[in-house]
Amino acid sequence: MKKLALTISVLSAAVLATSALAQGGKGRFTWNQTYTPGWTLMTPEERSEWANKMREVKTYEECKALQEEHQRAMEERAKEKGVKLMPPRQNGCDVMKARGFIK
């Protein structure tokens, strides 16, 4: 049963990654748990707001500043809930820069 759950998790992550890559284009970058620490601690509205903020950044420095602010807020929220905040699997700002979405 654990193998099945692991397989499903891996396949789900692959589908999410493929979906994010396939979308491409400025403003169409998919912000999700891969790039966002504290994703599971956020409400759907907060997730949407976060994605919109990140789509509006123009430079790498602006992206990193927003990311650091978000990291601090999520660390505090995780502490309040007594959970450990896991780091994102990839740095969204690095990915956005590599894909030419930001300078």
PDB file of N, CA and C in Angstrom:
ATOM      1  N   MET A   1       0.815  -1.190   0.000  1.00  0.00           N
ATOM      2  CA  MET A   1       0.000   0.000   0.000  1.00  0.00           C
ATOM      3  C   MET A   1       0.866   1.266   0.000  1.00  0.00           C
ATOM      4  N   LYS A   2       1.978   1.243   0.749  1.00  0.00           N
ATOM      5  CA  LYS A   2       2.872   2.394   0.777  1.00  0.00           C
ATOM      6  C   LYS A   2       3.499   2.620  -0.590  1.00  0.00           C
ATOM      7  N   LYS A   3       3.811   1.522  -1.301  1.00  0.00           N
ATOM      8  CA  LYS A   3       4.391   1.657  -2.633  1.00  0.00           C
ATOM      9  C   LYS A   3       3.410   2.341  -3.580  1.00  0.00           C
ATOM     10  N   LEU A   4       2.139   1.987  -3.472  1.00  0.00           N
ATOM     11  CA  LEU A   4       1.114   2.592  -4.312  1.00  0.00           C
ATOM     12  C   LEU A   4       0.993   4.082  -4.018  1.00  0.00           C
ATOM     13  N   ALA A   5       0.986   4.438  -2.750  1.00  0.00           N
ATOM     14  CA  ALA A   5       0.892   5.849  -2.362  1.00  0.00           C
ATOM     15  C   ALA A   5       2.102   6.625  -2.865  1.00  0.00           C
ATOM     16  N   LEU A   6       3.273   6.040  -2.761  1.00  0.00           N
ATOM     17  CA  LEU A   6       4.489   6.687  -3.242  1.00  0.00           C
ATOM     18  C   LEU A   6       4.433   6.855  -4.758  1.00  0.00           C
ATOM     19  N   THR A   7       3.996   5.836  -5.456  1.00  0.00           N
ATOM     20  CA  THR A   7       3.883   5.898  -6.910  1.00  0.00           C
ATOM     21  C   THR A   7       2.908   6.996  -7.324  1.00  0.00           C
ATOM     22  N   ILE A   8       1.794   7.067  -6.644  1.00  0.00           N
ATOM     23  CA  ILE A   8       0.805   8.094  -6.952  1.00  0.00           C
ATOM     24  C   ILE A   8       1.384   9.484  -6.691  1.00  0.00           C
ATOM     25  N   SER A   9       2.117   9.638  -5.598  1.00  0.00           N
ATOM     26  CA  SER A   9       2.738  10.926  -5.283  1.00  0.00           C
ATOM     27  C   SER A   9       3.741  11.334  -6.346  1.00  0.00           C
ATOM     28  N   VAL A  10       4.567  10.399  -6.768  1.00  0.00           N
ATOM     29  CA  VAL A  10       5.579  10.684  -7.787  1.00  0.00           C
ATOM     30  C   VAL A  10       4.904  11.051  -9.105  1.00  0.00           C
ATOM     31  N   LEU A  11       3.885  10.304  -9.485  1.00  0.00           N
ATOM     32  CA  LEU A  11       3.173  10.603 -10.725  1.00  0.00           C
ATOM     33  C   LEU A  11       2.475  11.954 -10.659  1.00  0.00           C
ATOM     34  N   SER A  12       1.903  12.270  -9.525  1.00  0.00           N
ATOM     35  CA  SER A  12       1.249  13.568  -9.358  1.00  0.00           C
ATOM     36  C   SER A  12       2.254  14.703  -9.500  1.00  0.00           C
ATOM     37  N   ALA A  13       3.419  14.555  -8.895  1.00  0.00           N
ATOM     38  CA  ALA A  13       4.458  15.576  -9.007  1.00  0.00           C
ATOM     39  C   ALA A  13       4.910  15.727 -10.451  1.00  0.00           C
ATOM     40  N   ALA A  14       5.028  14.616 -11.161  1.00  0.00           N
ATOM     41  CA  ALA A  14       5.433  14.666 -12.571  1.00  0.00           C
ATOM     42  C   ALA A  14       4.397  15.391 -13.409  1.00  0.00           C
ATOM     43  N   VAL A  15       3.135  15.138 -13.149  1.00  0.00           N
ATOM     44  CA  VAL A  15       2.066  15.814 -13.888  1.00  0.00           C
ATOM     45  C   VAL A  15       2.098  17.309 -13.607  1.00  0.00           C
ATOM     46  N   LEU A  16       2.283  17.691 -12.352  1.00  0.00           N
ATOM     47  CA  LEU A  16       2.361  19.111 -12.006  1.00  0.00           C
ATOM     48  C   LEU A  16       3.547  19.778 -12.693  1.00  0.00           C
ATOM     49  N   ALA A  17       4.682  19.125 -12.670  1.00  0.00           N
ATOM     50  CA  ALA A  17       5.877  19.689 -13.296  1.00  0.00           C
ATOM     51  C   ALA A  17       5.683  19.824 -14.800  1.00  0.00           C
ATOM     52  N   THR A  18       5.120  18.812 -15.417  1.00  0.00           N
ATOM     53  CA  THR A  18       4.879  18.857 -16.857  1.00  0.00           C
ATOM     54  C   THR A  18       3.901  19.969 -17.194  1.00  0.00           C
ATOM     55  N   SER A  19       2.865  20.108 -16.398  1.00  0.00           N
ATOM     56  CA  SER A  19       1.871  21.155 -16.608  1.00  0.00           C
ATOM     57  C   SER A  19       2.521  22.532 -16.510  1.00  0.00           C
ATOM     58  N   ALA A  20       3.358  22.725 -15.523  1.00  0.00           N
ATOM     59  CA  ALA A  20       4.024  24.013 -15.338  1.00  0.00           C
ATOM     60  C   ALA A  20       4.932  24.323 -16.519  1.00  0.00           C
ATOM     61  N   LEU A  21       5.649  23.342 -17.003  1.00  0.00           N
ATOM     62  CA  LEU A  21       6.541  23.552 -18.135  1.00  0.00           C
ATOM     63  C   LEU A  21       5.763  23.822 -19.417  1.00  0.00           C
ATOM     64  N   ALA A  22       4.665  23.134 -19.596  1.00  0.00           N
ATOM     65  CA  ALA A  22       3.886  23.271 -20.822  1.00  0.00           C
ATOM     66  C   ALA A  22       3.210  24.627 -20.928  1.00  0.00           C
ATOM     67  N   GLN A  23       2.934  25.255 -19.800  1.00  0.00           N
ATOM     68  CA  GLN A  23       2.214  26.523 -19.854  1.00  0.00           C
ATOM     69  C   GLN A  23       3.063  27.643 -20.413  1.00  0.00           C
ATOM     70  N   GLY A  24       4.340  27.725 -19.994  1.00  0.00           N
ATOM     71  CA  GLY A  24       5.248  28.729 -20.535  1.00  0.00           C
ATOM     72  C   GLY A  24       4.647  30.120 -20.607  1.00  0.00           C
ATOM     73  N   GLY A  25       5.374  31.060 -21.229  1.00  0.00           N
ATOM     74  CA  GLY A  25       4.849  32.398 -21.464  1.00  0.00           C
ATOM     75  C   GLY A  25       4.829  33.274 -20.228  1.00  0.00           C
ATOM     76  N   LYS A  26       5.102  34.562 -20.422  1.00  0.00           N
ATOM     77  CA  LYS A  26       5.081  35.537 -19.323  1.00  0.00           C
ATOM     78  C   LYS A  26       3.696  35.581 -18.699  1.00  0.00           C
ATOM     79  N   GLY A  27       3.644  35.535 -17.389  1.00  0.00           N
ATOM     80  CA  GLY A  27       2.373  35.601 -16.695  1.00  0.00           C
ATOM     81  C   GLY A  27       1.648  34.276 -16.635  1.00  0.00           C
ATOM     82  N   ARG A  28       2.219  33.251 -17.231  1.00  0.00           N
ATOM     83  CA  ARG A  28       1.566  31.951 -17.233  1.00  0.00           C
ATOM     84  C   ARG A  28       2.374  30.939 -16.441  1.00  0.00           C
ATOM     85  N   PHE A  29       3.329  31.417 -15.685  1.00  0.00           N
ATOM     86  CA  PHE A  29       4.122  30.556 -14.823  1.00  0.00           C
ATOM     87  C   PHE A  29       3.214  30.039 -13.725  1.00  0.00           C
ATOM     88  N   THR A  30       3.257  28.759 -13.456  1.00  0.00           N
ATOM     89  CA  THR A  30       2.387  28.160 -12.457  1.00  0.00           C
ATOM     90  C   THR A  30       3.066  28.130 -11.094  1.00  0.00           C
ATOM     91  N   TRP A  31       2.529  28.894 -10.170  1.00  0.00           N
ATOM     92  CA  TRP A  31       3.045  28.870  -8.810  1.00  0.00           C
ATOM     93  C   TRP A  31       2.306  27.790  -8.052  1.00  0.00           C
ATOM     94  N   ASN A  32       3.057  26.871  -7.451  1.00  0.00           N
ATOM     95  CA  ASN A  32       2.458  25.764  -6.704  1.00  0.00           C
ATOM     96  C   ASN A  32       3.408  25.344  -5.593  1.00  0.00           C
ATOM     97  N   GLN A  33       3.182  24.174  -5.020  1.00  0.00           N
ATOM     98  CA  GLN A  33       4.000  23.714  -3.896  1.00  0.00           C
ATOM     99  C   GLN A  33       5.453  23.457  -4.282  1.00  0.00           C
ATOM    100  N   THR A  34       5.732  23.305  -5.570  1.00  0.00           N
ATOM    101  CA  THR A  34       7.109  23.097  -6.010  1.00  0.00           C
ATOM    102  C   THR A  34       7.960  24.329  -5.736  1.00  0.00           C
ATOM    103  N   TYR A  35       7.376  25.504  -5.888  1.00  0.00           N
ATOM    104  CA  TYR A  35       8.117  26.757  -5.777  1.00  0.00           C
ATOM    105  C   TYR A  35       7.775  27.583  -4.536  1.00  0.00           C
ATOM    106  N   THR A  36       6.774  27.172  -3.763  1.00  0.00           N
ATOM    107  CA  THR A  36       6.263  28.017  -2.694  1.00  0.00           C
ATOM    108  C   THR A  36       6.330  27.350  -1.327  1.00  0.00           C
ATOM    109  N   PRO A  37       7.214  27.822  -0.450  1.00  0.00           N
ATOM    110  CA  PRO A  37       7.224  27.270   0.905  1.00  0.00           C
ATOM    111  C   PRO A  37       5.930  27.644   1.616  1.00  0.00           C
ATOM    112  N   GLY A  38       5.372  26.716   2.367  1.00  0.00           N
ATOM    113  CA  GLY A  38       4.161  26.986   3.111  1.00  0.00           C
ATOM    114  C   GLY A  38       2.889  26.874   2.281  1.00  0.00           C
ATOM    115  N   TRP A  39       2.986  26.311   1.097  1.00  0.00           N
ATOM    116  CA  TRP A  39       1.824  26.187   0.207  1.00  0.00           C
ATOM    117  C   TRP A  39       0.630  25.564   0.930  1.00  0.00           C
ATOM    118  N   THR A  40       0.894  24.503   1.677  1.00  0.00           N
ATOM    119  CA  THR A  40      -0.202  23.812   2.358  1.00  0.00           C
ATOM    120  C   THR A  40      -0.737  24.589   3.553  1.00  0.00           C
ATOM    121  N   LEU A  41      -0.008  25.606   4.002  1.00  0.00           N
ATOM    122  CA  LEU A  41      -0.456  26.441   5.112  1.00  0.00           C
ATOM    123  C   LEU A  41      -1.301  27.624   4.634  1.00  0.00           C
ATOM    124  N   MET A  42      -1.409  27.780   3.324  1.00  0.00           N
ATOM    125  CA  MET A  42      -2.121  28.917   2.740  1.00  0.00           C
ATOM    126  C   MET A  42      -3.535  28.517   2.318  1.00  0.00           C
ATOM    127  N   THR A  43      -4.437  29.477   2.375  1.00  0.00           N
ATOM    128  CA  THR A  43      -5.788  29.248   1.870  1.00  0.00           C
ATOM    129  C   THR A  43      -5.753  29.357   0.340  1.00  0.00           C
ATOM    130  N   PRO A  44      -6.753  28.855  -0.346  1.00  0.00           N
ATOM    131  CA  PRO A  44      -6.796  29.019  -1.805  1.00  0.00           C
ATOM    132  C   PRO A  44      -6.718  30.495  -2.230  1.00  0.00           C
ATOM    133  N   GLU A  45      -7.327  31.370  -1.473  1.00  0.00           N
ATOM    134  CA  GLU A  45      -7.272  32.795  -1.786  1.00  0.00           C
ATOM    135  C   GLU A  45      -5.851  33.336  -1.638  1.00  0.00           C
ATOM    136  N   GLU A  46      -5.159  32.904  -0.583  1.00  0.00           N
ATOM    137  CA  GLU A  46      -3.774  33.343  -0.381  1.00  0.00           C
ATOM    138  C   GLU A  46      -2.879  32.804  -1.482  1.00  0.00           C
ATOM    139  N   ARG A  47      -3.125  31.593  -1.913  1.00  0.00           N
ATOM    140  CA  ARG A  47      -2.333  31.015  -3.005  1.00  0.00           C
ATOM    141  C   ARG A  47      -2.506  31.823  -4.281  1.00  0.00           C
ATOM    142  N   SER A  48      -3.732  32.182  -4.570  1.00  0.00           N
ATOM    143  CA  SER A  48      -4.021  32.970  -5.763  1.00  0.00           C
ATOM    144  C   SER A  48      -3.369  34.347  -5.673  1.00  0.00           C
ATOM    145  N   GLU A  49      -3.486  34.972  -4.512  1.00  0.00           N
ATOM    146  CA  GLU A  49      -2.875  36.282  -4.292  1.00  0.00           C
ATOM    147  C   GLU A  49      -1.350  36.197  -4.437  1.00  0.00           C
ATOM    148  N   TRP A  50      -0.765  35.154  -3.878  1.00  0.00           N
ATOM    149  CA  TRP A  50       0.682  34.946  -3.972  1.00  0.00           C
ATOM    150  C   TRP A  50       1.104  34.801  -5.441  1.00  0.00           C
ATOM    151  N   ALA A  51       0.398  33.983  -6.171  1.00  0.00           N
ATOM    152  CA  ALA A  51       0.723  33.769  -7.585  1.00  0.00           C
ATOM    153  C   ALA A  51       0.632  35.089  -8.355  1.00  0.00           C
ATOM    154  N   ASN A  52      -0.394  35.873  -8.088  1.00  0.00           N
ATOM    155  CA  ASN A  52      -0.541  37.154  -8.780  1.00  0.00           C
ATOM    156  C   ASN A  52       0.603  38.099  -8.459  1.00  0.00           C
ATOM    157  N   LYS A  53       1.000  38.157  -7.186  1.00  0.00           N
ATOM    158  CA  LYS A  53       2.129  39.012  -6.795  1.00  0.00           C
ATOM    159  C   LYS A  53       3.402  38.588  -7.522  1.00  0.00           C
ATOM    160  N   MET A  54       3.639  37.289  -7.562  1.00  0.00           N
ATOM    161  CA  MET A  54       4.867  36.804  -8.187  1.00  0.00           C
ATOM    162  C   MET A  54       4.856  37.020  -9.700  1.00  0.00           C
ATOM    163  N   ARG A  55       3.706  36.974 -10.307  1.00  0.00           N
ATOM    164  CA  ARG A  55       3.618  37.223 -11.749  1.00  0.00           C
ATOM    165  C   ARG A  55       3.883  38.687 -12.092  1.00  0.00           C
ATOM    166  N   GLU A  56       3.714  39.573 -11.114  1.00  0.00           N
ATOM    167  CA  GLU A  56       3.904  41.003 -11.341  1.00  0.00           C
ATOM    168  C   GLU A  56       5.358  41.453 -11.207  1.00  0.00           C
ATOM    169  N   VAL A  57       6.218  40.629 -10.618  1.00  0.00           N
ATOM    170  CA  VAL A  57       7.611  41.052 -10.446  1.00  0.00           C
ATOM    171  C   VAL A  57       8.286  41.189 -11.804  1.00  0.00           C
ATOM    172  N   LYS A  58       9.210  42.158 -11.877  1.00  0.00           N
ATOM    173  CA  LYS A  58       9.901  42.430 -13.141  1.00  0.00           C
ATOM    174  C   LYS A  58      11.378  42.040 -13.112  1.00  0.00           C
ATOM    175  N   THR A  59      11.956  42.019 -11.888  1.00  0.00           N
ATOM    176  CA  THR A  59      13.386  41.721 -11.778  1.00  0.00           C
ATOM    177  C   THR A  59      13.619  40.593 -10.785  1.00  0.00           C
ATOM    178  N   TYR A  60      14.791  40.004 -10.909  1.00  0.00           N
ATOM    179  CA  TYR A  60      15.186  38.934 -10.008  1.00  0.00           C
ATOM    180  C   TYR A  60      15.241  39.441  -8.566  1.00  0.00           C
ATOM    181  N   GLU A  61      15.771  40.644  -8.380  1.00  0.00           N
ATOM    182  CA  GLU A  61      15.900  41.213  -7.045  1.00  0.00           C
ATOM    183  C   GLU A  61      14.523  41.422  -6.408  1.00  0.00           C
ATOM    184  N   GLU A  62      13.573  41.920  -7.189  1.00  0.00           N
ATOM    185  CA  GLU A  62      12.213  42.114  -6.701  1.00  0.00           C
ATOM    186  C   GLU A  62      11.587  40.765  -6.331  1.00  0.00           C
ATOM    187  N   CYS A  63      11.838  39.772  -7.153  1.00  0.00           N
ATOM    188  CA  CYS A  63      11.324  38.425  -6.909  1.00  0.00           C
ATOM    189  C   CYS A  63      11.890  37.865  -5.601  1.00  0.00           C
ATOM    190  N   LYS A  64      13.200  37.973  -5.420  1.00  0.00           N
ATOM    191  CA  LYS A  64      13.843  37.455  -4.210  1.00  0.00           C
ATOM    192  C   LYS A  64      13.337  38.170  -2.960  1.00  0.00           C
ATOM    193  N   ALA A  65      13.135  39.485  -3.044  1.00  0.00           N
ATOM    194  CA  ALA A  65      12.649  40.238  -1.889  1.00  0.00           C
ATOM    195  C   ALA A  65      11.246  39.759  -1.497  1.00  0.00           C
ATOM    196  N   LEU A  66      10.392  39.565  -2.476  1.00  0.00           N
ATOM    197  CA  LEU A  66       9.039  39.084  -2.201  1.00  0.00           C
ATOM    198  C   LEU A  66       9.080  37.669  -1.648  1.00  0.00           C
ATOM    199  N   GLN A  67       9.963  36.858  -2.199  1.00  0.00           N
ATOM    200  CA  GLN A  67      10.120  35.481  -1.724  1.00  0.00           C
ATOM    201  C   GLN A  67      10.579  35.450  -0.264  1.00  0.00           C
ATOM    202  N   GLU A  68      11.535  36.297   0.087  1.00  0.00           N
ATOM    203  CA  GLU A  68      12.048  36.332   1.460  1.00  0.00           C
ATOM    204  C   GLU A  68      10.971  36.796   2.438  1.00  0.00           C
ATOM    205  N   GLU A  69      10.177  37.780   2.033  1.00  0.00           N
ATOM    206  CA  GLU A  69       9.072  38.252   2.871  1.00  0.00           C
ATOM    207  C   GLU A  69       8.068  37.118   3.098  1.00  0.00           C
ATOM    208  N   HIS A  70       7.754  36.401   2.036  1.00  0.00           N
ATOM    209  CA  HIS A  70       6.819  35.282   2.127  1.00  0.00           C
ATOM    210  C   HIS A  70       7.388  34.175   3.023  1.00  0.00           C
ATOM    211  N   GLN A  71       8.673  33.897   2.879  1.00  0.00           N
ATOM    212  CA  GLN A  71       9.333  32.866   3.684  1.00  0.00           C
ATOM    213  C   GLN A  71       9.199  33.176   5.170  1.00  0.00           C
ATOM    214  N   ARG A  72       9.457  34.432   5.540  1.00  0.00           N
ATOM    215  CA  ARG A  72       9.345  34.828   6.956  1.00  0.00           C
ATOM    216  C   ARG A  72       7.911  34.638   7.464  1.00  0.00           C
ATOM    217  N   ALA A  73       6.937  35.025   6.657  1.00  0.00           N
ATOM    218  CA  ALA A  73       5.530  34.893   7.060  1.00  0.00           C
ATOM    219  C   ALA A  73       5.148  33.426   7.223  1.00  0.00           C
ATOM    220  N   MET A  74       5.614  32.581   6.325  1.00  0.00           N
ATOM    221  CA  MET A  74       5.274  31.157   6.395  1.00  0.00           C
ATOM    222  C   MET A  74       5.997  30.467   7.544  1.00  0.00           C
ATOM    223  N   GLU A  75       7.229  30.907   7.849  1.00  0.00           N
ATOM    224  CA  GLU A  75       7.940  30.353   9.006  1.00  0.00           C
ATOM    225  C   GLU A  75       7.173  30.653  10.285  1.00  0.00           C
ATOM    226  N   GLU A  76       6.662  31.871  10.400  1.00  0.00           N
ATOM    227  CA  GLU A  76       5.878  32.257  11.572  1.00  0.00           C
ATOM    228  C   GLU A  76       4.591  31.434  11.654  1.00  0.00           C
ATOM    229  N   ARG A  77       3.925  31.272  10.523  1.00  0.00           N
ATOM    230  CA  ARG A  77       2.680  30.499  10.504  1.00  0.00           C
ATOM    231  C   ARG A  77       2.944  29.038  10.879  1.00  0.00           C
ATOM    232  N   ALA A  78       4.018  28.479  10.350  1.00  0.00           N
ATOM    233  CA  ALA A  78       4.360  27.088  10.662  1.00  0.00           C
ATOM    234  C   ALA A  78       4.658  26.939  12.151  1.00  0.00           C
ATOM    235  N   LYS A  79       5.367  27.906  12.703  1.00  0.00           N
ATOM    236  CA  LYS A  79       5.691  27.878  14.133  1.00  0.00           C
ATOM    237  C   LYS A  79       4.412  27.910  14.971  1.00  0.00           C
ATOM    238  N   GLU A  80       3.469  28.779  14.590  1.00  0.00           N
ATOM    239  CA  GLU A  80       2.196  28.880  15.310  1.00  0.00           C
ATOM    240  C   GLU A  80       1.417  27.570  15.263  1.00  0.00           C
ATOM    241  N   LYS A  81       1.509  26.866  14.152  1.00  0.00           N
ATOM    242  CA  LYS A  81       0.768  25.616  13.976  1.00  0.00           C
ATOM    243  C   LYS A  81       1.544  24.399  14.473  1.00  0.00           C
ATOM    244  N   GLY A  82       2.795  24.627  14.870  1.00  0.00           N
ATOM    245  CA  GLY A  82       3.619  23.536  15.376  1.00  0.00           C
ATOM    246  C   GLY A  82       4.054  22.548  14.316  1.00  0.00           C
ATOM    247  N   VAL A  83       4.271  23.041  13.100  1.00  0.00           N
ATOM    248  CA  VAL A  83       4.728  22.179  12.017  1.00  0.00           C
ATOM    249  C   VAL A  83       6.053  22.683  11.474  1.00  0.00           C
ATOM    250  N   LYS A  84       6.739  21.817  10.770  1.00  0.00           N
ATOM    251  CA  LYS A  84       8.016  22.186  10.173  1.00  0.00           C
ATOM    252  C   LYS A  84       7.781  22.679   8.757  1.00  0.00           C
ATOM    253  N   LEU A  85       8.345  23.824   8.440  1.00  0.00           N
ATOM    254  CA  LEU A  85       8.224  24.390   7.097  1.00  0.00           C
ATOM    255  C   LEU A  85       9.274  23.742   6.204  1.00  0.00           C
ATOM    256  N   MET A  86       8.807  23.079   5.173  1.00  0.00           N
ATOM    257  CA  MET A  86       9.715  22.435   4.233  1.00  0.00           C
ATOM    258  C   MET A  86      10.124  23.439   3.159  1.00  0.00           C
ATOM    259  N   PRO A  87      11.387  23.413   2.762  1.00  0.00           N
ATOM    260  CA  PRO A  87      11.825  24.331   1.706  1.00  0.00           C
ATOM    261  C   PRO A  87      11.215  23.914   0.362  1.00  0.00           C
ATOM    262  N   PRO A  88      11.076  24.856  -0.559  1.00  0.00           N
ATOM    263  CA  PRO A  88      10.541  24.501  -1.867  1.00  0.00           C
ATOM    264  C   PRO A  88      11.515  23.585  -2.604  1.00  0.00           C
ATOM    265  N   ARG A  89      10.985  22.775  -3.504  1.00  0.00           N
ATOM    266  CA  ARG A  89      11.837  21.863  -4.275  1.00  0.00           C
ATOM    267  C   ARG A  89      12.698  22.610  -5.279  1.00  0.00           C
ATOM    268  N   GLN A  90      12.203  23.746  -5.749  1.00  0.00           N
ATOM    269  CA  GLN A  90      12.960  24.580  -6.679  1.00  0.00           C
ATOM    270  C   GLN A  90      12.755  26.033  -6.301  1.00  0.00           C
ATOM    271  N   ASN A  91      13.717  26.881  -6.651  1.00  0.00           N
ATOM    272  CA  ASN A  91      13.587  28.302  -6.401  1.00  0.00           C
ATOM    273  C   ASN A  91      12.867  28.921  -7.595  1.00  0.00           C
ATOM    274  N   GLY A  92      11.650  29.399  -7.352  1.00  0.00           N
ATOM    275  CA  GLY A  92      10.836  29.962  -8.421  1.00  0.00           C
ATOM    276  C   GLY A  92      11.488  31.137  -9.115  1.00  0.00           C
ATOM    277  N   CYS A  93      12.198  31.987  -8.377  1.00  0.00           N
ATOM    278  CA  CYS A  93      12.860  33.143  -8.989  1.00  0.00           C
ATOM    279  C   CYS A  93      13.948  32.685  -9.956  1.00  0.00           C
ATOM    280  N   ASP A  94      14.689  31.665  -9.579  1.00  0.00           N
ATOM    281  CA  ASP A  94      15.725  31.132 -10.466  1.00  0.00           C
ATOM    282  C   ASP A  94      15.111  30.562 -11.740  1.00  0.00           C
ATOM    283  N   VAL A  95      14.006  29.859 -11.595  1.00  0.00           N
ATOM    284  CA  VAL A  95      13.334  29.268 -12.752  1.00  0.00           C
ATOM    285  C   VAL A  95      12.774  30.361 -13.657  1.00  0.00           C
ATOM    286  N   MET A  96      12.147  31.370 -13.059  1.00  0.00           N
ATOM    287  CA  MET A  96      11.591  32.470 -13.852  1.00  0.00           C
ATOM    288  C   MET A  96      12.691  33.198 -14.619  1.00  0.00           C
ATOM    289  N   LYS A  97      13.833  33.403 -13.976  1.00  0.00           N
ATOM    290  CA  LYS A  97      14.944  34.081 -14.642  1.00  0.00           C
ATOM    291  C   LYS A  97      15.490  33.224 -15.777  1.00  0.00           C
ATOM    292  N   ALA A  98      15.646  31.949 -15.529  1.00  0.00           N
ATOM    293  CA  ALA A  98      16.176  31.037 -16.549  1.00  0.00           C
ATOM    294  C   ALA A  98      15.253  30.960 -17.770  1.00  0.00           C
ATOM    295  N   ARG A  99      13.963  31.083 -17.545  1.00  0.00           N
ATOM    296  CA  ARG A  99      12.981  31.014 -18.643  1.00  0.00           C
ATOM    297  C   ARG A  99      12.738  32.370 -19.296  1.00  0.00           C
ATOM    298  N   GLY A 100      13.386  33.406 -18.780  1.00  0.00           N
ATOM    299  CA  GLY A 100      13.253  34.727 -19.386  1.00  0.00           C
ATOM    300  C   GLY A 100      12.025  35.502 -18.963  1.00  0.00           C
ATOM    301  N   PHE A 101      11.365  35.104 -17.875  1.00  0.00           N
ATOM    302  CA  PHE A 101      10.187  35.818 -17.403  1.00  0.00           C
ATOM    303  C   PHE A 101      10.574  37.093 -16.666  1.00  0.00           C
ATOM    304  N   ILE A 102      11.753  37.085 -16.031  1.00  0.00           N
ATOM    305  CA  ILE A 102      12.253  38.256 -15.313  1.00  0.00           C
ATOM    306  C   ILE A 102      13.700  38.463 -15.691  1.00  0.00           C
ATOM    307  N   LYS A 103      14.196  39.694 -15.416  1.00  0.00           N
ATOM    308  CA  LYS A 103      15.604  40.026 -15.729  1.00  0.00           C
ATOM    309  C   LYS A 103      16.452  39.969 -14.496  1.00  0.00           C
TER     310      LYS A 103
END
